């Protein structure tokens, strides 16, 4: 069966080198951190090694975004600096697509803090000139949740771009300092962050303006599959409220159908640590038509990202998903989203 790995990470050598030469200490610090990672996982930047892995494990093509720590929006730079970094990043991503003849289909990064100062032009350039078919955005930028970037969503819809949502740390951790220990933030904080943002997009009414958009949530939508019943119950009109003033903020139509709205508004990947029980839960909640096979390559316990490629497809078969539905998850849904084969 054909395999498309629909959520992976990559970085061009040129963009990483640019960050390593930055005069901004914060930028350089994270670049050095990721350069160290790339020395251990060379396939993060080495396209030859990456393609070798894809050939070995039967992956026809991948979708790839930059490492979230290298997203220029995280650095809260001046508009001209942010746009320059996004341009360099997007140029590097387009170069990867060209060098691999479309086997690594890269996502662009929009300059979210600079949309009204040239950022929208960069979004349009990335899609219309560079040929990139979508964007990867973080769940919050400097504490501002992604659902509040209305101009981004409007422009992405205009461009018919696929939007991938990737979790990141809260801007400040003073309210829950204990979350920022033992690497809990990344391990369980990120899926929680994803859950918050998907619900915000729905409850704020933003999703009503994005009908037909192709939005992909990482890590199977975080907590949503397991807590879909709780979510439905708490937004039922008959529910007793402890914070009624917050319910007045809800803008979603037909709140009693919130579960249906969530399921039909997003696509959800399978990057949950190669655990078939977690994937089965997501499959039973979302259905095969809303899911994408993904491994989060090159990350994984073997340090190469190949553990997911070597074992995950067989684990999905063990769930007992019918063959036609398994094909949808493994490659057909990705082909449909990206109009790519």
C-alpha atoms as a PDB file:
ATOM      1  CA  UNK A   1       0.000   0.000   0.000  1.00  0.00           C
ATOM      2  CA  UNK A   2       1.213   3.495  -0.835  1.00  0.00           C
ATOM      3  CA  UNK A   3       2.379   5.600   2.131  1.00  0.00           C
ATOM      4  CA  UNK A   4       2.346   9.402   2.510  1.00  0.00           C
ATOM      5  CA  UNK A   5       3.911  10.689   5.739  1.00  0.00           C
ATOM      6  CA  UNK A   6       1.768  13.770   6.161  1.00  0.00           C
ATOM      7  CA  UNK A   7       3.438  15.549   9.112  1.00  0.00           C
ATOM      8  CA  UNK A   8       7.232  15.697   9.298  1.00  0.00           C
ATOM      9  CA  UNK A   9       9.902  18.338   9.919  1.00  0.00           C
ATOM     10  CA  UNK A  10      12.792  19.555   7.813  1.00  0.00           C
ATOM     11  CA  UNK A  11      15.095  22.561   7.490  1.00  0.00           C
ATOM     12  CA  UNK A  12      17.247  23.847   4.660  1.00  0.00           C
ATOM     13  CA  UNK A  13      20.946  24.129   5.415  1.00  0.00           C
ATOM     14  CA  UNK A  14      20.944  27.692   4.135  1.00  0.00           C
ATOM     15  CA  UNK A  15      18.233  28.845   6.538  1.00  0.00           C
ATOM     16  CA  UNK A  16      19.907  27.181   9.515  1.00  0.00           C
ATOM     17  CA  UNK A  17      23.242  28.796   8.619  1.00  0.00           C
ATOM     18  CA  UNK A  18      21.527  32.192   8.355  1.00  0.00           C
ATOM     19  CA  UNK A  19      20.143  31.828  11.875  1.00  0.00           C
ATOM     20  CA  UNK A  20      23.528  30.726  13.223  1.00  0.00           C
ATOM     21  CA  UNK A  21      24.985  34.006  11.940  1.00  0.00           C
ATOM     22  CA  UNK A  22      22.238  36.167  13.471  1.00  0.00           C
ATOM     23  CA  UNK A  23      23.228  39.107  15.633  1.00  0.00           C
ATOM     24  CA  UNK A  24      20.232  38.372  17.869  1.00  0.00           C
ATOM     25  CA  UNK A  25      21.301  36.144  20.743  1.00  0.00           C
ATOM     26  CA  UNK A  26      17.864  34.528  21.105  1.00  0.00           C
ATOM     27  CA  UNK A  27      17.797  33.539  17.450  1.00  0.00           C
ATOM     28  CA  UNK A  28      21.355  32.237  17.527  1.00  0.00           C
ATOM     29  CA  UNK A  29      20.706  30.234  20.722  1.00  0.00           C
ATOM     30  CA  UNK A  30      17.859  28.261  19.186  1.00  0.00           C
ATOM     31  CA  UNK A  31      19.765  27.827  15.928  1.00  0.00           C
ATOM     32  CA  UNK A  32      22.682  26.342  17.872  1.00  0.00           C
ATOM     33  CA  UNK A  33      20.276  24.068  19.709  1.00  0.00           C
ATOM     34  CA  UNK A  34      18.751  22.770  16.479  1.00  0.00           C
ATOM     35  CA  UNK A  35      22.162  22.524  14.786  1.00  0.00           C
ATOM     36  CA  UNK A  36      23.126  20.175  17.621  1.00  0.00           C
ATOM     37  CA  UNK A  37      19.987  18.174  16.964  1.00  0.00           C
ATOM     38  CA  UNK A  38      20.842  18.023  13.263  1.00  0.00           C
ATOM     39  CA  UNK A  39      24.289  16.660  14.087  1.00  0.00           C
ATOM     40  CA  UNK A  40      22.570  13.731  15.820  1.00  0.00           C
ATOM     41  CA  UNK A  41      19.729  13.466  13.296  1.00  0.00           C
ATOM     42  CA  UNK A  42      21.403  14.522  10.016  1.00  0.00           C
ATOM     43  CA  UNK A  43      18.276  13.643   8.027  1.00  0.00           C
ATOM     44  CA  UNK A  44      16.717  16.806   9.447  1.00  0.00           C
ATOM     45  CA  UNK A  45      18.835  18.755   6.932  1.00  0.00           C
ATOM     46  CA  UNK A  46      20.449  16.019   4.792  1.00  0.00           C
ATOM     47  CA  UNK A  47      18.023  15.340   1.951  1.00  0.00           C
ATOM     48  CA  UNK A  48      19.993  12.335   0.682  1.00  0.00           C
ATOM     49  CA  UNK A  49      19.687  10.489   3.980  1.00  0.00           C
ATOM     50  CA  UNK A  50      16.047  11.438   4.207  1.00  0.00           C
ATOM     51  CA  UNK A  51      15.236  10.100   0.747  1.00  0.00           C
ATOM     52  CA  UNK A  52      17.132   6.897   1.564  1.00  0.00           C
ATOM     53  CA  UNK A  53      14.848   6.367   4.578  1.00  0.00           C
ATOM     54  CA  UNK A  54      11.767   7.078   2.480  1.00  0.00           C
ATOM     55  CA  UNK A  55      12.846   4.554  -0.151  1.00  0.00           C
ATOM     56  CA  UNK A  56      13.717   1.925   2.458  1.00  0.00           C
ATOM     57  CA  UNK A  57      10.316   2.114   4.143  1.00  0.00           C
ATOM     58  CA  UNK A  58       8.156   2.726   1.111  1.00  0.00           C
ATOM     59  CA  UNK A  59       7.187   6.354   1.709  1.00  0.00           C
ATOM     60  CA  UNK A  60       6.139   7.921  -1.591  1.00  0.00           C
ATOM     61  CA  UNK A  61       6.215  11.519  -0.344  1.00  0.00           C
ATOM     62  CA  UNK A  62       6.187  13.599   2.820  1.00  0.00           C
ATOM     63  CA  UNK A  63       4.672  16.860   3.996  1.00  0.00           C
ATOM     64  CA  UNK A  64       7.236  18.862   5.972  1.00  0.00           C
ATOM     65  CA  UNK A  65       7.269  22.014   8.061  1.00  0.00           C
ATOM     66  CA  UNK A  66      10.198  23.661   9.770  1.00  0.00           C
ATOM     67  CA  UNK A  67      11.125  22.753  13.354  1.00  0.00           C
ATOM     68  CA  UNK A  68       8.768  24.829  15.500  1.00  0.00           C
ATOM     69  CA  UNK A  69      11.694  26.294  17.472  1.00  0.00           C
ATOM     70  CA  UNK A  70      13.022  27.871  14.261  1.00  0.00           C
ATOM     71  CA  UNK A  71       9.779  29.611  13.285  1.00  0.00           C
ATOM     72  CA  UNK A  72      10.698  33.320  12.889  1.00  0.00           C
ATOM     73  CA  UNK A  73       7.439  34.344  14.577  1.00  0.00           C
ATOM     74  CA  UNK A  74       8.695  32.977  17.899  1.00  0.00           C
ATOM     75  CA  UNK A  75      11.434  35.602  18.096  1.00  0.00           C
ATOM     76  CA  UNK A  76       9.076  38.630  18.093  1.00  0.00           C
ATOM     77  CA  UNK A  77      11.326  40.617  15.764  1.00  0.00           C
ATOM     78  CA  UNK A  78      10.758  43.913  13.994  1.00  0.00           C
ATOM     79  CA  UNK A  79       8.547  43.528  10.897  1.00  0.00           C
ATOM     80  CA  UNK A  80      11.370  43.877   8.387  1.00  0.00           C
ATOM     81  CA  UNK A  81      13.495  41.301  10.239  1.00  0.00           C
ATOM     82  CA  UNK A  82      10.634  38.831  10.613  1.00  0.00           C
ATOM     83  CA  UNK A  83       9.682  39.085   6.943  1.00  0.00           C
ATOM     84  CA  UNK A  84      13.304  38.670   5.847  1.00  0.00           C
ATOM     85  CA  UNK A  85      13.636  35.467   7.873  1.00  0.00           C
ATOM     86  CA  UNK A  86      10.329  34.120   6.586  1.00  0.00           C
ATOM     87  CA  UNK A  87      11.412  34.855   3.015  1.00  0.00           C
ATOM     88  CA  UNK A  88      14.678  32.997   3.564  1.00  0.00           C
ATOM     89  CA  UNK A  89      12.883  30.089   5.217  1.00  0.00           C
ATOM     90  CA  UNK A  90      10.281  29.856   2.460  1.00  0.00           C
ATOM     91  CA  UNK A  91      12.926  30.083  -0.267  1.00  0.00           C
ATOM     92  CA  UNK A  92      14.750  27.193   1.394  1.00  0.00           C
ATOM     93  CA  UNK A  93      11.566  25.149   1.600  1.00  0.00           C
ATOM     94  CA  UNK A  94      10.834  25.715  -2.097  1.00  0.00           C
ATOM     95  CA  UNK A  95      14.391  24.632  -2.877  1.00  0.00           C
ATOM     96  CA  UNK A  96      13.821  21.360  -0.984  1.00  0.00           C
ATOM     97  CA  UNK A  97      10.653  20.678  -2.998  1.00  0.00           C
ATOM     98  CA  UNK A  98      12.579  21.274  -6.223  1.00  0.00           C
ATOM     99  CA  UNK A  99      15.622  19.199  -5.234  1.00  0.00           C
ATOM    100  CA  UNK A 100      13.465  16.229  -4.234  1.00  0.00           C
ATOM    101  CA  UNK A 101      11.149  16.598  -7.237  1.00  0.00           C
ATOM    102  CA  UNK A 102       8.128  16.960  -5.007  1.00  0.00           C
ATOM    103  CA  UNK A 103       8.811  13.973  -2.758  1.00  0.00           C
ATOM    104  CA  UNK A 104       9.200  16.368   0.172  1.00  0.00           C
ATOM    105  CA  UNK A 105       6.291  18.772  -0.049  1.00  0.00           C
ATOM    106  CA  UNK A 106       7.171  21.710   2.191  1.00  0.00           C
ATOM    107  CA  UNK A 107       4.982  24.156   4.060  1.00  0.00           C
ATOM    108  CA  UNK A 108       5.601  27.895   4.106  1.00  0.00           C
ATOM    109  CA  UNK A 109       5.796  30.040   7.230  1.00  0.00           C
ATOM    110  CA  UNK A 110       3.792  33.315   7.267  1.00  0.00           C
ATOM    111  CA  UNK A 111       5.131  36.429   9.053  1.00  0.00           C
ATOM    112  CA  UNK A 112       2.212  36.612  11.480  1.00  0.00           C
ATOM    113  CA  UNK A 113       3.282  39.699  13.422  1.00  0.00           C
ATOM    114  CA  UNK A 114       3.860  41.621  10.193  1.00  0.00           C
ATOM    115  CA  UNK A 115       0.839  40.780   8.080  1.00  0.00           C
ATOM    116  CA  UNK A 116      -0.139  44.411   7.529  1.00  0.00           C
ATOM    117  CA  UNK A 117       3.482  45.432   6.863  1.00  0.00           C
ATOM    118  CA  UNK A 118       4.270  43.141   3.959  1.00  0.00           C
ATOM    119  CA  UNK A 119       3.466  39.789   5.549  1.00  0.00           C
ATOM    120  CA  UNK A 120       0.417  39.160   3.363  1.00  0.00           C
ATOM    121  CA  UNK A 121       2.574  39.798   0.295  1.00  0.00           C
ATOM    122  CA  UNK A 122       4.998  37.141   1.532  1.00  0.00           C
ATOM    123  CA  UNK A 123       2.139  34.680   2.017  1.00  0.00           C
ATOM    124  CA  UNK A 124       1.037  35.260  -1.566  1.00  0.00           C
ATOM    125  CA  UNK A 125       4.606  34.985  -2.874  1.00  0.00           C
ATOM    126  CA  UNK A 126       5.131  31.687  -1.056  1.00  0.00           C
ATOM    127  CA  UNK A 127       2.093  30.115  -2.697  1.00  0.00           C
ATOM    128  CA  UNK A 128       1.832  31.842  -6.077  1.00  0.00           C
ATOM    129  CA  UNK A 129       5.527  32.249  -6.924  1.00  0.00           C
ATOM    130  CA  UNK A 130       7.332  29.573  -4.924  1.00  0.00           C
ATOM    131  CA  UNK A 131       4.577  26.998  -5.390  1.00  0.00           C
ATOM    132  CA  UNK A 132       4.301  25.998  -1.728  1.00  0.00           C
ATOM    133  CA  UNK A 133       0.850  24.569  -1.067  1.00  0.00           C
ATOM    134  CA  UNK A 134       0.269  25.414   2.561  1.00  0.00           C
ATOM    135  CA  UNK A 135       1.414  27.019   5.797  1.00  0.00           C
ATOM    136  CA  UNK A 136       2.480  25.751   9.186  1.00  0.00           C
ATOM    137  CA  UNK A 137       1.495  28.052  12.051  1.00  0.00           C
ATOM    138  CA  UNK A 138       2.121  27.858  15.771  1.00  0.00           C
ATOM    139  CA  UNK A 139      -0.759  27.783  18.247  1.00  0.00           C
ATOM    140  CA  UNK A 140       0.186  31.146  19.735  1.00  0.00           C
ATOM    141  CA  UNK A 141       2.549  33.967  18.893  1.00  0.00           C
ATOM    142  CA  UNK A 142       3.806  35.898  21.907  1.00  0.00           C
ATOM    143  CA  UNK A 143       0.712  34.794  23.828  1.00  0.00           C
ATOM    144  CA  UNK A 144      -1.752  35.767  21.090  1.00  0.00           C
ATOM    145  CA  UNK A 145      -3.713  32.665  20.016  1.00  0.00           C
ATOM    146  CA  UNK A 146      -3.722  31.838  16.324  1.00  0.00           C
ATOM    147  CA  UNK A 147      -7.514  32.170  16.081  1.00  0.00           C
ATOM    148  CA  UNK A 148      -7.096  35.931  16.561  1.00  0.00           C
ATOM    149  CA  UNK A 149      -4.965  36.378  13.424  1.00  0.00           C
ATOM    150  CA  UNK A 150      -7.973  37.061  11.218  1.00  0.00           C
ATOM    151  CA  UNK A 151      -5.973  38.475   8.316  1.00  0.00           C
ATOM    152  CA  UNK A 152      -3.887  35.304   8.175  1.00  0.00           C
ATOM    153  CA  UNK A 153      -6.956  33.087   7.956  1.00  0.00           C
ATOM    154  CA  UNK A 154      -8.591  35.328   5.376  1.00  0.00           C
ATOM    155  CA  UNK A 155      -5.475  35.280   3.185  1.00  0.00           C
ATOM    156  CA  UNK A 156      -4.886  31.534   3.571  1.00  0.00           C
ATOM    157  CA  UNK A 157      -8.460  30.869   2.478  1.00  0.00           C
ATOM    158  CA  UNK A 158      -8.053  33.219  -0.483  1.00  0.00           C
ATOM    159  CA  UNK A 159      -4.957  31.241  -1.515  1.00  0.00           C
ATOM    160  CA  UNK A 160      -6.708  27.872  -1.051  1.00  0.00           C
ATOM    161  CA  UNK A 161      -3.768  26.872   1.153  1.00  0.00           C
ATOM    162  CA  UNK A 162      -3.648  23.918   3.521  1.00  0.00           C
ATOM    163  CA  UNK A 163      -2.970  25.124   7.090  1.00  0.00           C
ATOM    164  CA  UNK A 164      -1.077  22.963   9.564  1.00  0.00           C
ATOM    165  CA  UNK A 165      -1.367  23.897  13.241  1.00  0.00           C
ATOM    166  CA  UNK A 166       1.649  23.040  15.411  1.00  0.00           C
ATOM    167  CA  UNK A 167       1.695  23.448  19.199  1.00  0.00           C
ATOM    168  CA  UNK A 168       4.213  25.586  21.034  1.00  0.00           C
ATOM    169  CA  UNK A 169       4.857  26.670  24.607  1.00  0.00           C
ATOM    170  CA  UNK A 170       2.640  29.264  26.293  1.00  0.00           C
ATOM    171  CA  UNK A 171       4.286  32.667  26.060  1.00  0.00           C
ATOM    172  CA  UNK A 172       4.598  32.874  29.833  1.00  0.00           C
ATOM    173  CA  UNK A 173       4.486  30.008  32.317  1.00  0.00           C
ATOM    174  CA  UNK A 174       4.009  31.992  35.521  1.00  0.00           C
ATOM    175  CA  UNK A 175       0.462  30.682  36.014  1.00  0.00           C
ATOM    176  CA  UNK A 176       1.594  27.041  35.953  1.00  0.00           C
ATOM    177  CA  UNK A 177       5.303  27.009  36.713  1.00  0.00           C
ATOM    178  CA  UNK A 178       5.144  23.304  37.527  1.00  0.00           C
ATOM    179  CA  UNK A 179       4.321  22.549  33.897  1.00  0.00           C
ATOM    180  CA  UNK A 180       7.738  23.821  32.812  1.00  0.00           C
ATOM    181  CA  UNK A 181       9.677  21.012  34.525  1.00  0.00           C
ATOM    182  CA  UNK A 182      10.627  17.466  33.529  1.00  0.00           C
ATOM    183  CA  UNK A 183       9.941  18.332  29.858  1.00  0.00           C
ATOM    184  CA  UNK A 184       6.223  18.199  30.658  1.00  0.00           C
ATOM    185  CA  UNK A 185       5.535  21.236  28.493  1.00  0.00           C
ATOM    186  CA  UNK A 186       6.417  19.451  25.275  1.00  0.00           C
ATOM    187  CA  UNK A 187       5.207  16.006  26.341  1.00  0.00           C
ATOM    188  CA  UNK A 188       1.676  16.832  27.528  1.00  0.00           C
ATOM    189  CA  UNK A 189       1.502  20.635  27.431  1.00  0.00           C
ATOM    190  CA  UNK A 190       1.684  20.765  23.646  1.00  0.00           C
ATOM    191  CA  UNK A 191      -1.275  18.408  23.047  1.00  0.00           C
ATOM    192  CA  UNK A 192      -3.241  20.471  25.579  1.00  0.00           C
ATOM    193  CA  UNK A 193      -2.275  23.650  23.717  1.00  0.00           C
ATOM    194  CA  UNK A 194      -3.507  22.101  20.466  1.00  0.00           C
ATOM    195  CA  UNK A 195      -6.803  21.212  22.144  1.00  0.00           C
ATOM    196  CA  UNK A 196      -7.266  24.780  23.369  1.00  0.00           C
ATOM    197  CA  UNK A 197      -6.637  26.299  19.954  1.00  0.00           C
ATOM    198  CA  UNK A 198      -8.916  23.948  18.022  1.00  0.00           C
ATOM    199  CA  UNK A 199     -11.716  24.656  20.482  1.00  0.00           C
ATOM    200  CA  UNK A 200     -11.024  28.401  20.322  1.00  0.00           C
ATOM    201  CA  UNK A 201     -11.312  28.325  16.523  1.00  0.00           C
ATOM    202  CA  UNK A 202     -14.715  26.677  16.860  1.00  0.00           C
ATOM    203  CA  UNK A 203     -16.111  28.490  19.911  1.00  0.00           C
ATOM    204  CA  UNK A 204     -15.020  31.953  18.756  1.00  0.00           C
ATOM    205  CA  UNK A 205     -17.007  31.502  15.557  1.00  0.00           C
ATOM    206  CA  UNK A 206     -13.853  31.922  13.462  1.00  0.00           C
ATOM    207  CA  UNK A 207     -14.376  28.501  11.907  1.00  0.00           C
ATOM    208  CA  UNK A 208     -17.733  29.674  10.525  1.00  0.00           C
ATOM    209  CA  UNK A 209     -15.792  32.010   8.230  1.00  0.00           C
ATOM    210  CA  UNK A 210     -13.403  29.266   7.125  1.00  0.00           C
ATOM    211  CA  UNK A 211     -15.864  26.798   5.640  1.00  0.00           C
ATOM    212  CA  UNK A 212     -14.126  24.552   3.149  1.00  0.00           C
ATOM    213  CA  UNK A 213     -10.637  25.331   4.421  1.00  0.00           C
ATOM    214  CA  UNK A 214      -8.212  22.446   4.877  1.00  0.00           C
ATOM    215  CA  UNK A 215      -6.819  22.644   8.419  1.00  0.00           C
ATOM    216  CA  UNK A 216      -4.621  19.880   9.873  1.00  0.00           C
ATOM    217  CA  UNK A 217      -4.183  19.344  13.613  1.00  0.00           C
ATOM    218  CA  UNK A 218      -1.051  17.663  14.963  1.00  0.00           C
ATOM    219  CA  UNK A 219      -0.936  14.766  17.462  1.00  0.00           C
ATOM    220  CA  UNK A 220      -4.443  13.548  16.566  1.00  0.00           C
ATOM    221  CA  UNK A 221      -5.973  16.756  17.892  1.00  0.00           C
ATOM    222  CA  UNK A 222      -4.423  16.474  21.351  1.00  0.00           C
ATOM    223  CA  UNK A 223      -7.011  15.660  24.017  1.00  0.00           C
ATOM    224  CA  UNK A 224     -10.035  15.986  21.754  1.00  0.00           C
ATOM    225  CA  UNK A 225     -10.610  12.317  20.814  1.00  0.00           C
ATOM    226  CA  UNK A 226     -10.608  11.126  24.429  1.00  0.00           C
ATOM    227  CA  UNK A 227     -12.616  14.090  25.762  1.00  0.00           C
ATOM    228  CA  UNK A 228     -15.090  14.574  22.911  1.00  0.00           C
ATOM    229  CA  UNK A 229     -17.952  13.472  25.186  1.00  0.00           C
ATOM    230  CA  UNK A 230     -16.958  15.901  27.927  1.00  0.00           C
ATOM    231  CA  UNK A 231     -16.706  18.730  25.412  1.00  0.00           C
ATOM    232  CA  UNK A 232     -20.181  17.967  24.041  1.00  0.00           C
ATOM    233  CA  UNK A 233     -21.653  17.769  27.536  1.00  0.00           C
ATOM    234  CA  UNK A 234     -20.153  21.009  28.801  1.00  0.00           C
ATOM    235  CA  UNK A 235     -21.400  23.015  25.813  1.00  0.00           C
ATOM    236  CA  UNK A 236     -24.869  21.511  25.868  1.00  0.00           C
ATOM    237  CA  UNK A 237     -27.522  24.247  26.363  1.00  0.00           C
ATOM    238  CA  UNK A 238     -28.926  22.305  29.331  1.00  0.00           C
ATOM    239  CA  UNK A 239     -25.592  22.194  31.175  1.00  0.00           C
ATOM    240  CA  UNK A 240     -25.470  23.943  34.576  1.00  0.00           C
ATOM    241  CA  UNK A 241     -22.925  26.770  34.278  1.00  0.00           C
ATOM    242  CA  UNK A 242     -20.247  27.707  36.792  1.00  0.00           C
ATOM    243  CA  UNK A 243     -19.040  30.579  34.577  1.00  0.00           C
ATOM    244  CA  UNK A 244     -22.139  31.717  32.660  1.00  0.00           C
ATOM    245  CA  UNK A 245     -20.451  34.952  31.606  1.00  0.00           C
ATOM    246  CA  UNK A 246     -17.946  32.935  29.540  1.00  0.00           C
ATOM    247  CA  UNK A 247     -20.669  30.967  27.798  1.00  0.00           C
ATOM    248  CA  UNK A 248     -22.009  34.300  26.531  1.00  0.00           C
ATOM    249  CA  UNK A 249     -18.730  34.622  24.589  1.00  0.00           C
ATOM    250  CA  UNK A 250     -19.427  31.475  22.571  1.00  0.00           C
ATOM    251  CA  UNK A 251     -20.138  32.332  18.946  1.00  0.00           C
ATOM    252  CA  UNK A 252     -20.478  28.886  17.388  1.00  0.00           C
ATOM    253  CA  UNK A 253     -23.791  28.077  15.743  1.00  0.00           C
ATOM    254  CA  UNK A 254     -25.696  25.130  17.232  1.00  0.00           C
ATOM    255  CA  UNK A 255     -23.443  24.552  20.275  1.00  0.00           C
ATOM    256  CA  UNK A 256     -25.276  21.291  20.949  1.00  0.00           C
ATOM    257  CA  UNK A 257     -23.585  19.992  17.774  1.00  0.00           C
ATOM    258  CA  UNK A 258     -20.092  21.094  18.749  1.00  0.00           C
ATOM    259  CA  UNK A 259     -18.604  17.595  18.412  1.00  0.00           C
ATOM    260  CA  UNK A 260     -19.832  17.375  14.829  1.00  0.00           C
ATOM    261  CA  UNK A 261     -18.440  20.855  14.135  1.00  0.00           C
ATOM    262  CA  UNK A 262     -14.986  19.894  15.453  1.00  0.00           C
ATOM    263  CA  UNK A 263     -14.846  16.649  13.497  1.00  0.00           C
ATOM    264  CA  UNK A 264     -15.916  18.276  10.226  1.00  0.00           C
ATOM    265  CA  UNK A 265     -13.672  21.343  10.546  1.00  0.00           C
ATOM    266  CA  UNK A 266     -10.247  19.704  10.861  1.00  0.00           C
ATOM    267  CA  UNK A 267      -8.069  16.834   9.716  1.00  0.00           C
ATOM    268  CA  UNK A 268      -6.100  14.930  12.357  1.00  0.00           C
ATOM    269  CA  UNK A 269      -2.776  13.143  11.999  1.00  0.00           C
ATOM    270  CA  UNK A 270      -1.659   9.872  13.597  1.00  0.00           C
ATOM    271  CA  UNK A 271       1.554  11.224  15.187  1.00  0.00           C
ATOM    272  CA  UNK A 272       0.866   9.982  18.715  1.00  0.00           C
ATOM    273  CA  UNK A 273       4.012   7.995  19.459  1.00  0.00           C
ATOM    274  CA  UNK A 274       3.165   4.878  17.442  1.00  0.00           C
ATOM    275  CA  UNK A 275       0.460   3.792  19.887  1.00  0.00           C
ATOM    276  CA  UNK A 276      -2.293   1.832  18.166  1.00  0.00           C
ATOM    277  CA  UNK A 277      -4.780   2.311  21.011  1.00  0.00           C
ATOM    278  CA  UNK A 278      -4.508   6.097  20.763  1.00  0.00           C
ATOM    279  CA  UNK A 279      -4.931   5.927  16.992  1.00  0.00           C
ATOM    280  CA  UNK A 280      -7.934   3.624  17.396  1.00  0.00           C
ATOM    281  CA  UNK A 281      -9.560   6.147  19.720  1.00  0.00           C
ATOM    282  CA  UNK A 282      -9.007   8.919  17.168  1.00  0.00           C
ATOM    283  CA  UNK A 283     -10.262   6.715  14.330  1.00  0.00           C
ATOM    284  CA  UNK A 284     -13.454   5.823  16.195  1.00  0.00           C
ATOM    285  CA  UNK A 285     -14.151   9.496  16.951  1.00  0.00           C
ATOM    286  CA  UNK A 286     -13.073  11.176  13.709  1.00  0.00           C
ATOM    287  CA  UNK A 287     -13.438   8.439  11.095  1.00  0.00           C
ATOM    288  CA  UNK A 288     -11.031   7.588   8.289  1.00  0.00           C
ATOM    289  CA  UNK A 289     -12.061  10.521   6.088  1.00  0.00           C
ATOM    290  CA  UNK A 290     -10.593  13.037   8.592  1.00  0.00           C
ATOM    291  CA  UNK A 291      -7.283  11.320   9.380  1.00  0.00           C
ATOM    292  CA  UNK A 292      -3.778  11.445   7.884  1.00  0.00           C
ATOM    293  CA  UNK A 293      -0.952   9.005   8.451  1.00  0.00           C
ATOM    294  CA  UNK A 294       2.016  10.823  10.017  1.00  0.00           C
ATOM    295  CA  UNK A 295       5.085   9.921  12.088  1.00  0.00           C
ATOM    296  CA  UNK A 296       6.622  13.298  13.103  1.00  0.00           C
ATOM    297  CA  UNK A 297       9.794  12.164  11.295  1.00  0.00           C
ATOM    298  CA  UNK A 298      12.716  12.523  11.965  1.00  0.00           C
ATOM    299  CA  UNK A 299      11.855  12.399  15.665  1.00  0.00           C
ATOM    300  CA  UNK A 300      11.562   9.154  17.553  1.00  0.00           C
ATOM    301  CA  UNK A 301      13.196   7.045  20.260  1.00  0.00           C
ATOM    302  CA  UNK A 302      15.700   5.453  17.873  1.00  0.00           C
ATOM    303  CA  UNK A 303      17.203   8.870  17.099  1.00  0.00           C
ATOM    304  CA  UNK A 304      16.613   8.356  13.383  1.00  0.00           C
ATOM    305  CA  UNK A 305      12.849   8.679  13.030  1.00  0.00           C
ATOM    306  CA  UNK A 306      12.732   5.283  11.354  1.00  0.00           C
ATOM    307  CA  UNK A 307      10.955   3.466  14.189  1.00  0.00           C
ATOM    308  CA  UNK A 308       7.653   5.038  13.159  1.00  0.00           C
ATOM    309  CA  UNK A 309       8.257   4.271   9.491  1.00  0.00           C
ATOM    310  CA  UNK A 310       9.181   0.646  10.172  1.00  0.00           C
ATOM    311  CA  UNK A 311       6.453  -0.301  12.668  1.00  0.00           C
ATOM    312  CA  UNK A 312       3.549   2.137  12.484  1.00  0.00           C
ATOM    313  CA  UNK A 313       1.911   0.960   9.230  1.00  0.00           C
ATOM    314  CA  UNK A 314       1.618  -2.603  10.595  1.00  0.00           C
ATOM    315  CA  UNK A 315       0.237  -1.296  13.898  1.00  0.00           C
ATOM    316  CA  UNK A 316      -2.547   0.468  12.021  1.00  0.00           C
ATOM    317  CA  UNK A 317      -3.458  -2.794  10.337  1.00  0.00           C
ATOM    318  CA  UNK A 318      -3.766  -4.420  13.765  1.00  0.00           C
ATOM    319  CA  UNK A 319      -6.558  -1.989  14.637  1.00  0.00           C
ATOM    320  CA  UNK A 320      -8.733  -3.701  12.065  1.00  0.00           C
ATOM    321  CA  UNK A 321      -9.487  -0.692   9.877  1.00  0.00           C
ATOM    322  CA  UNK A 322     -11.105  -1.820   6.607  1.00  0.00           C
ATOM    323  CA  UNK A 323      -8.726  -1.740   3.649  1.00  0.00           C
ATOM    324  CA  UNK A 324     -10.461   1.061   1.769  1.00  0.00           C
ATOM    325  CA  UNK A 325     -10.522   3.244   4.886  1.00  0.00           C
ATOM    326  CA  UNK A 326      -6.893   2.429   5.642  1.00  0.00           C
ATOM    327  CA  UNK A 327      -5.981   3.599   2.153  1.00  0.00           C
ATOM    328  CA  UNK A 328      -7.714   6.915   2.884  1.00  0.00           C
ATOM    329  CA  UNK A 329      -5.642   7.393   6.030  1.00  0.00           C
ATOM    330  CA  UNK A 330      -2.349   6.199   4.532  1.00  0.00           C
ATOM    331  CA  UNK A 331      -2.392   8.315   1.378  1.00  0.00           C
ATOM    332  CA  UNK A 332      -5.693   9.215  -0.296  1.00  0.00           C
ATOM    333  CA  UNK A 333      -6.656  12.007   2.109  1.00  0.00           C
ATOM    334  CA  UNK A 334      -3.225  13.633   1.692  1.00  0.00           C
ATOM    335  CA  UNK A 335      -3.492  13.365  -2.085  1.00  0.00           C
ATOM    336  CA  UNK A 336      -6.867  15.103  -1.911  1.00  0.00           C
ATOM    337  CA  UNK A 337      -5.706  17.885   0.416  1.00  0.00           C
ATOM    338  CA  UNK A 338      -2.585  18.742  -1.570  1.00  0.00           C
ATOM    339  CA  UNK A 339      -3.738  17.720  -5.048  1.00  0.00           C
ATOM    340  CA  UNK A 340      -0.440  15.903  -5.273  1.00  0.00           C
ATOM    341  CA  UNK A 341       0.594  12.368  -6.261  1.00  0.00           C
END
